[in-house]
Amino acid sequence: IQAFRIATSRRSRLVMSGIAALTIAVPITYSLSRYNNYIEVINPSNVVVVQPNIDPYKKLGLIPTMEQVNTLTSLADSAAKPNTEFFIFPETAIPNYADEDQLRTNPEFLAIQQFLAKYANGTVITGMETKSWYSSEATLSARYIPEFKAYIDNFNSAVQIENSAQVSTYHKSKLVPGVEKMPFPKVFAFLKPVFAQLGGSVGGWGWQAEPEVFYAQSGIGTVPVICYESLWGDWIGRAVTEGAQFITIITNDGWWGNTSGKDQHLLYARLRAIEMRRYVVRSANTGISAFIDQRGDITKKTAWWTRTALNGNINLNSDLTAYARNGDVIAKVASLGSLAFMIFLLIRIWIPRRKTSPQS
């Protein structure tokens, strides 16, 4: 009997070891097979990514906004080709809180349109700080300005500019808690008068609820992703299902300094490329800007803290991956499974204790 128990125990250990090995080996083997056998469909578009390398601590107020715009357009011009379709400028590239109702008459907007005059099919996607005025408290983040007797929202925006009167604006949705947005603004709404006296708002910057797809005059669609939003694969997938053929990430990584933060932020972009099978074009104010193909390989990138521009051909893709269609299903199932397992353990612990407890 003892020998049987030992043999059974050994078999159990071997089975468990085999299952553990397969759990590791099968996904790795499958991933390598997918990586080596994936072939992009050739559907090119020429894109320029600009890295102006303006110190984020100096760009806000110390350097004239028009001077910054001239730097952007000059760098873009140096890398452009006659067939360039997209010029990508980084997050808050235009930091002057432009009034959204008057964007078409904004001097910086007009300067970019003037730059585009020599590129018939050109489209600029740029970061811009914008603002909107309301006669009433239209949003949770709006704050009251007594001297104007009106409410205002400030936005960290992405704006698409073309050789036409058409302009598209996206407001960053995933705001950094504490820095850009008060966590749980509805819960802390009672603090609104206090924040108003301090010149802020309980909501922080304004935001929009859903991702956006920018469609260029050629019909090409891209999803604008601002900085921290590149961490949210499921959220980006919602825009991909709405027609985004490549992913545009604009960021201002200078806040990280020369730390691993800027490198890790770039690696998140590689994950998004793999999940969606979409090219990622990434414009970072102070680095690292890059082109990432549909397999997640970085095909071109800049050095950190370098003023430059990159030109690259990307392949557009309209096919949807399982991840784009279904989102974080595995994570959701794993979370539910973990919750069920915890409940099961609690029940297993609680029932024996109840059975062994002394009867009154």
Foldseek 3Di string as FASTA:
>chain_A
DVVVVVVVVVVVVVVVVVVVVCVPPVVVVVLVVCLVPDDFDFAKAKEKFFAALDQPVCPAPNDDQVVLLVSQLVQCVVADDLRHQEYEEFFQSREDAAEPVCLVVDPSLVVVLVSCPSRQNYKYKYWHKHKYKAQDCPDQFWAADVVVNITMAIFGWIKMHHNDPDIDIFGAADDDDPPQAPPPLVVVVVCQVVQNVVVGGNGGHDHDHAWDWDQGPVRAIETEHEQPRLQALQRRLQVLLVHHQAYEYHYAPSVVPPDCPQVVSLQSNLVSLQQFLHWYFYHYNFDWTFIAGSSSRTPDTDDGSDGHMHMDMYGTDNDGDPCSVPPPPVVVVVVVVVVVVVVVVVCVVPVVCVVPDDDD
